Amino acid sequence: MTQAARPDASRPAAARKAVVPVAGLGTRFLPATKAVPKELLPVVDKPALQYIVEEAVRAGLSELLMVTGRGKEAIAEHFDRQPELEAALEKKGDAARLSAVRHSSQLAQMHFVRQGDPQGLGHAVLQAASFVGDETFAVLLGDDLIDDRDRLLERMLDVQVGRGGSVVALLEVPRSEISKYGCASVEATSEDDVWSLTDLVEKPSADVAPSNLAVIGRYVLSPTIFDALRETGPGAGGEIQLTDGIRALIRRGEPVHGVVFRGRRYDTGDRLDYLKAIVRLAVERDDIGPDFRTWLDGFVAGGA
């Protein structure tokens, strides 16, 4: 009988927890978000946040913590059982919708914590310290939807296991847009999609940006980030920035790598891009895509 291989103690343990900050006010979508969390706005027929949770689960992250705020109670309701609704659908024999409703409550083991006084993304991540403990973990921001055919998070988790430390997602953007993002200063590695970070700059102007590599909303972080964030004062916008905490890790000599993403990304944090995301995802659906594309072609051509 072959003896099972022992785990390599020199390699970091794979992450199994994810943190999803959802305490933002969603002011860009008012008045729609006055009473409905922006994370629950539908992208076709599914809340934006559910795409994020499904992405984490596909990557093997079985425990998720939502960092919420006031007025976000509906998020917990969405991922909870709805016995009355399920019973009504079952009575009608609506198996497809019953399955869809149950799916959201069976995705993962969900936890919730209130941020209280929101003081930035770094402060939100800091609320996860007790949940995470001394484990590597992922952070997923809800404004970035990654197409499920492009396994960015899985790639980041693999890089972290192989190289240790922390890993951020990078996107090549025009220099004219780099001031909207955290920007990475990098050195090449032996892999063409992986860079070693030497510094991070929050929202630099195009003329001083060290690269055109922007940090987007996926992170795989060492638990040492919590000490770094506790020591990080307010930065851009008077808030505790996650970028500044990661920068502190770099300055301590801890490895931080970036994975360059060249796949399909949908930005739901901006009204125009939110509409684009709905159209792009809808036209690729098997159920409604063909009819919607036909109508869309006619509409763009000037038809009804």
Protein backbone atom coordinates (compact mmCIF):
# COMPACT_ATOMS: atom_id res chain seq x y z
CA MET A 1 0.00 0.00 0.00
CA THR A 2 1.40 3.38 -1.00
CA GLN A 3 1.97 5.76 1.89
CA ALA A 4 0.13 9.07 1.55
CA ALA A 5 2.36 12.05 0.91
CA ARG A 6 2.79 14.37 3.85
CA PRO A 7 2.01 18.06 3.46
CA ASP A 8 5.05 20.23 2.76
CA ALA A 9 5.49 22.18 5.99
CA SER A 10 7.62 24.75 4.17
CA ARG A 11 4.71 25.80 1.95
CA PRO A 12 2.01 28.14 3.28
CA ALA A 13 -1.39 26.62 4.03
CA ALA A 14 -4.03 27.44 1.45
CA ALA A 15 -6.53 30.12 2.41
CA ARG A 16 -10.02 28.96 3.31
CA LYS A 17 -11.68 32.20 4.47
CA ALA A 18 -12.83 35.29 2.61
CA VAL A 19 -13.77 38.78 3.77
CA VAL A 20 -16.24 40.89 1.79
CA PRO A 21 -16.59 44.55 2.86
CA VAL A 22 -20.17 45.73 2.25
CA ALA A 23 -20.54 48.74 4.54
CA GLY A 24 -20.46 51.43 1.82
CA LEU A 25 -23.37 53.83 1.44
CA GLY A 26 -23.74 53.43 -2.32
CA THR A 27 -24.31 57.14 -2.84
CA ARG A 28 -23.64 56.96 -6.59
CA PHE A 29 -26.83 54.92 -6.99
CA LEU A 30 -29.20 57.10 -4.98
CA PRO A 31 -32.16 57.10 -4.69
CA ALA A 32 -32.20 53.36 -5.53
CA THR A 33 -29.87 52.64 -2.61
CA LYS A 34 -31.72 54.73 -0.04
CA ALA A 35 -33.35 51.60 1.39
CA VAL A 36 -31.71 48.79 -0.62
CA PRO A 37 -27.99 47.97 -0.18
CA LYS A 38 -26.13 48.67 -3.41
CA GLU A 39 -24.65 45.18 -3.18
CA LEU A 40 -28.12 43.72 -3.72
CA LEU A 41 -28.86 45.67 -6.89
CA PRO A 42 -29.54 43.05 -9.57
CA VAL A 43 -27.17 42.22 -12.39
CA VAL A 44 -29.70 40.62 -14.72
CA ASP A 45 -31.61 38.53 -12.14
CA LYS A 46 -29.06 37.98 -9.40
CA PRO A 47 -27.66 40.46 -6.84
CA ALA A 48 -24.15 41.68 -7.59
CA LEU A 49 -23.01 40.37 -4.20
CA GLN A 50 -24.09 36.83 -4.99
CA TYR A 51 -21.67 36.73 -7.92
CA ILE A 52 -18.89 37.61 -5.47
CA VAL A 53 -19.88 34.88 -3.00
CA GLU A 54 -20.10 32.31 -5.78
CA GLU A 55 -16.62 33.29 -6.96
CA ALA A 56 -15.19 32.76 -3.48
CA VAL A 57 -16.88 29.38 -3.15
CA ARG A 58 -15.58 28.23 -6.56
CA ALA A 59 -12.08 29.06 -5.35
CA GLY A 60 -12.51 26.81 -2.31
CA LEU A 61 -13.17 29.50 0.29
CA SER A 62 -15.85 27.91 2.45
CA GLU A 63 -16.22 30.57 5.17
CA LEU A 64 -17.14 34.16 4.37
CA LEU A 65 -17.36 37.22 6.58
CA MET A 66 -19.47 40.17 5.47
CA VAL A 67 -18.33 43.45 7.04
CA THR A 68 -21.60 45.35 7.08
CA GLY A 69 -22.94 48.66 8.33
CA ARG A 70 -26.23 50.34 9.15
CA GLY A 71 -29.09 49.60 6.79
CA LYS A 72 -27.48 46.41 5.46
CA GLU A 73 -29.73 43.89 7.20
CA ALA A 74 -31.19 42.78 3.85
CA ILE A 75 -27.83 41.24 2.92
CA ALA A 76 -28.10 38.67 5.71
CA GLU A 77 -31.73 38.07 4.72
CA HIS A 78 -30.74 37.33 1.14
CA PHE A 79 -28.34 34.59 2.19
CA ASP A 80 -30.74 33.12 4.76
CA ARG A 81 -33.58 30.64 4.27
CA GLN A 82 -37.00 31.99 3.28
CA PRO A 83 -39.38 29.18 4.31
CA GLU A 84 -42.59 30.99 3.36
CA LEU A 85 -41.32 31.85 -0.13
CA GLU A 86 -39.93 28.36 -0.61
CA ALA A 87 -43.22 26.81 0.43
CA ALA A 88 -45.15 29.03 -1.99
CA LEU A 89 -42.86 28.13 -4.90
CA GLU A 90 -43.02 24.45 -4.01
CA LYS A 91 -46.82 24.58 -3.94
CA LYS A 92 -46.84 26.18 -7.40
CA GLY A 93 -44.46 23.54 -8.70
CA ASP A 94 -41.96 26.24 -9.71
CA ALA A 95 -38.87 24.06 -9.35
CA ALA A 96 -36.48 26.40 -11.20
CA ARG A 97 -37.15 29.44 -9.01
CA LEU A 98 -37.27 27.28 -5.87
CA SER A 99 -33.80 25.98 -6.69
CA ALA A 100 -32.51 29.52 -7.32
CA VAL A 101 -33.90 30.77 -3.99
CA ARG A 102 -32.41 27.88 -2.05
CA HIS A 103 -29.06 28.18 -3.82
CA SER A 104 -28.20 31.52 -2.22
CA SER A 105 -28.76 30.16 1.30
CA GLN A 106 -26.67 27.06 0.68
CA LEU A 107 -23.59 28.63 -0.86
CA ALA A 108 -21.25 28.94 2.12
CA GLN A 109 -20.94 29.35 5.86
CA MET A 110 -21.72 33.04 6.25
CA HIS A 111 -20.72 35.35 9.11
CA PHE A 112 -21.50 39.01 9.67
CA VAL A 113 -19.86 41.82 11.64
CA ARG A 114 -20.76 45.51 11.84
CA GLN A 115 -18.06 48.02 11.00
CA GLY A 116 -19.66 50.68 13.18
CA ASP A 117 -17.98 53.96 12.29
CA PRO A 118 -16.69 53.45 8.72
CA GLN A 119 -13.15 54.73 8.40
CA GLY A 120 -12.08 53.28 5.08
CA LEU A 121 -11.36 49.94 3.44
CA GLY A 122 -8.38 49.23 5.69
CA HIS A 123 -10.57 49.79 8.74
CA ALA A 124 -13.20 47.43 7.31
CA VAL A 125 -10.63 44.68 6.78
CA LEU A 126 -9.37 45.21 10.33
CA GLN A 127 -12.81 44.20 11.64
CA ALA A 128 -12.09 40.69 10.36
CA ALA A 129 -9.10 40.07 12.63
CA SER A 130 -10.93 37.78 15.07
CA PHE A 131 -12.61 35.86 12.25
CA VAL A 132 -9.36 35.31 10.36
CA GLY A 133 -7.01 34.63 13.27
CA ASP A 134 -3.53 33.68 12.06
CA GLU A 135 -4.62 32.36 8.65
CA THR A 136 -4.05 33.69 5.16
CA PHE A 137 -7.34 35.01 3.76
CA ALA A 138 -8.90 36.63 0.71
CA VAL A 139 -10.63 39.99 0.40
CA LEU A 140 -13.16 40.47 -2.40
CA LEU A 141 -14.61 43.89 -3.20
CA GLY A 142 -18.14 43.89 -4.53
CA ASP A 143 -17.70 46.51 -7.25
CA ASP A 144 -15.52 44.18 -9.33
CA LEU A 145 -17.31 41.22 -10.92
CA ILE A 146 -14.91 38.72 -12.45
CA ASP A 147 -16.35 36.50 -15.18
CA ASP A 148 -16.61 32.94 -13.88
CA ARG A 149 -14.68 31.69 -16.91
CA ASP A 150 -11.62 33.68 -15.79
CA ARG A 151 -10.26 32.16 -12.59
CA LEU A 152 -8.40 35.15 -11.19
CA LEU A 153 -8.89 34.28 -7.52
CA GLU A 154 -7.77 30.68 -8.02
CA ARG A 155 -4.60 31.93 -9.72
CA MET A 156 -3.91 34.36 -6.88
CA LEU A 157 -4.36 31.62 -4.28
CA ASP A 158 -1.94 29.38 -6.18
CA VAL A 159 0.65 32.17 -6.35
CA GLN A 160 0.30 32.81 -2.62
CA VAL A 161 0.82 29.14 -1.76
CA GLY A 162 3.86 28.99 -4.01
CA ARG A 163 5.47 32.29 -3.02
CA GLY A 164 4.08 33.10 0.43
CA GLY A 165 3.26 36.56 1.73
CA SER A 166 0.40 38.47 0.14
CA VAL A 167 -0.94 38.76 -3.41
CA VAL A 168 -2.94 41.55 -5.06
CA ALA A 169 -4.77 41.65 -8.39
CA LEU A 170 -3.39 44.06 -10.98
CA LEU A 171 -4.95 45.46 -14.13
CA GLU A 172 -3.21 47.35 -16.91
CA VAL A 173 -5.03 50.67 -17.40
CA PRO A 174 -4.35 53.76 -19.52
CA ARG A 175 -2.10 56.17 -17.65
CA SER A 176 -4.83 58.77 -17.93
CA GLU A 177 -6.95 56.60 -15.59
CA ILE A 178 -4.33 55.52 -13.06
CA SER A 179 -5.30 58.32 -10.66
CA LYS A 180 -8.52 56.38 -9.90
CA TYR A 181 -6.60 53.45 -8.42
CA GLY A 182 -3.84 52.29 -6.17
CA CYS A 183 -0.78 51.93 -8.39
CA ALA A 184 1.96 49.30 -8.10
CA SER A 185 5.71 49.73 -8.51
CA VAL A 186 6.97 46.33 -9.64
CA GLU A 187 9.86 44.08 -10.56
CA ALA A 188 9.64 41.10 -12.91
CA THR A 189 9.54 37.48 -11.74
CA SER A 190 10.00 34.22 -13.62
CA GLU A 191 6.27 34.19 -14.49
CA ASP A 192 4.93 36.64 -17.05
CA ASP A 193 1.70 37.32 -15.17
CA VAL A 194 3.31 37.69 -11.72
CA TRP A 195 5.20 40.76 -10.52
CA SER A 196 7.00 41.45 -7.27
CA LEU A 197 5.76 44.67 -5.69
CA THR A 198 8.33 47.17 -4.45
CA ASP A 199 5.86 49.91 -3.53
CA LEU A 200 2.24 51.02 -3.73
CA VAL A 201 0.94 54.54 -4.30
CA GLU A 202 -2.70 55.45 -3.68
CA LYS A 203 -4.28 57.32 -6.63
CA PRO A 204 -1.16 58.98 -8.09
CA SER A 205 -1.33 61.49 -10.92
CA ALA A 206 -0.33 60.13 -14.32
CA ASP A 207 2.96 62.05 -14.39
CA VAL A 208 4.28 60.48 -11.16
CA ALA A 209 2.68 57.02 -11.31
CA PRO A 210 5.37 54.30 -11.19
CA SER A 211 3.49 52.11 -13.70
CA ASN A 212 0.14 51.63 -15.39
CA LEU A 213 -0.65 48.64 -13.16
CA ALA A 214 -3.72 49.36 -11.06
CA VAL A 215 -4.75 47.40 -7.97
CA ILE A 216 -8.28 46.03 -8.38
CA GLY A 217 -10.64 44.45 -5.87
CA ARG A 218 -9.10 41.05 -5.16
CA TYR A 219 -6.50 40.41 -2.45
CA VAL A 220 -4.99 37.35 -0.78
CA LEU A 221 -3.45 38.64 2.44
CA SER A 222 -1.16 37.42 5.15
CA PRO A 223 -2.62 37.86 8.66
CA THR A 224 0.31 40.23 9.34
CA ILE A 225 -1.83 42.83 7.54
CA PHE A 226 -3.78 43.35 10.76
CA ASP A 227 -0.77 44.62 12.73
CA ALA A 228 0.15 46.80 9.76
CA LEU A 229 -3.35 48.30 9.64
CA ARG A 230 -3.39 48.94 13.39
CA GLU A 231 -0.25 51.02 12.92
CA THR A 232 -1.54 52.79 9.80
CA GLY A 233 -2.93 56.28 10.21
CA PRO A 234 -5.52 57.93 7.97
CA GLY A 235 -4.36 58.36 4.38
CA ALA A 236 -6.12 59.49 1.23
CA GLY A 237 -9.58 60.90 1.99
CA GLY A 238 -8.81 60.87 5.72
CA GLU A 239 -9.46 57.11 5.83
CA ILE A 240 -7.40 54.06 6.75
CA GLN A 241 -6.40 52.71 3.36
CA LEU A 242 -5.77 49.03 2.72
CA THR A 243 -3.17 50.12 0.16
CA ASP A 244 -1.17 51.81 2.93
CA GLY A 245 -1.29 48.67 5.05
CA ILE A 246 0.01 46.54 2.18
CA ARG A 247 2.68 49.14 1.53
CA ALA A 248 3.80 48.75 5.15
CA LEU A 249 4.20 45.00 4.58
CA ILE A 250 6.44 45.71 1.58
CA ARG A 251 8.58 48.09 3.62
CA ARG A 252 8.97 45.44 6.31
CA GLY A 253 10.44 43.13 3.70
CA GLU A 254 7.46 40.78 3.49
CA PRO A 255 6.80 39.38 0.01
CA VAL A 256 3.91 40.96 -1.86
CA HIS A 257 3.19 39.86 -5.42
CA GLY A 258 0.72 40.99 -8.05
CA VAL A 259 -1.13 38.85 -10.57
CA VAL A 260 -1.92 40.73 -13.78
CA PHE A 261 -5.51 40.05 -14.82
CA ARG A 262 -6.24 40.03 -18.56
CA GLY A 263 -9.71 38.50 -18.47
CA ARG A 264 -13.28 39.79 -18.32
CA ARG A 265 -14.09 42.21 -15.52
CA TYR A 266 -17.35 44.05 -14.93
CA ASP A 267 -17.37 47.24 -12.85
CA THR A 268 -20.66 47.64 -10.98
CA GLY A 269 -19.53 50.59 -8.88
CA ASP A 270 -20.29 53.16 -11.59
CA ARG A 271 -23.74 53.69 -13.09
CA LEU A 272 -22.63 53.51 -16.72
CA ASP A 273 -20.37 50.52 -16.17
CA TYR A 274 -23.12 48.83 -14.14
CA LEU A 275 -25.42 49.04 -17.16
CA LYS A 276 -22.65 47.73 -19.41
CA ALA A 277 -22.16 44.79 -17.05
CA ILE A 278 -25.85 43.89 -17.24
CA VAL A 279 -25.82 44.00 -21.04
CA ARG A 280 -22.62 41.98 -21.36
CA LEU A 281 -23.80 39.26 -19.01
CA ALA A 282 -27.34 39.18 -20.39
CA VAL A 283 -26.32 38.65 -24.02
CA GLU A 284 -24.24 35.62 -22.99
CA ARG A 285 -27.07 33.91 -21.12
CA ASP A 286 -28.43 30.78 -22.80
CA ASP A 287 -31.99 31.49 -21.69
CA ILE A 288 -32.45 35.15 -22.60
CA GLY A 289 -29.29 35.95 -24.54
CA PRO A 290 -30.40 35.18 -28.12
CA ASP A 291 -33.65 37.15 -27.89
CA PHE A 292 -32.00 40.01 -26.02
CA ARG A 293 -29.18 40.25 -28.58
CA THR A 294 -31.69 40.33 -31.44
CA TRP A 295 -33.62 43.15 -29.75
CA LEU A 296 -30.39 44.97 -28.90
CA ASP A 297 -29.13 44.81 -32.48
CA GLY A 298 -32.40 46.29 -33.66
CA PHE A 299 -32.38 48.98 -31.00
CA VAL A 300 -28.82 50.06 -31.82
CA ALA A 301 -29.70 50.11 -35.52
CA GLY A 302 -32.53 52.52 -34.74
CA GLY A 303 -35.44 50.14 -34.46
CA ALA A 304 -38.07 49.89 -31.72
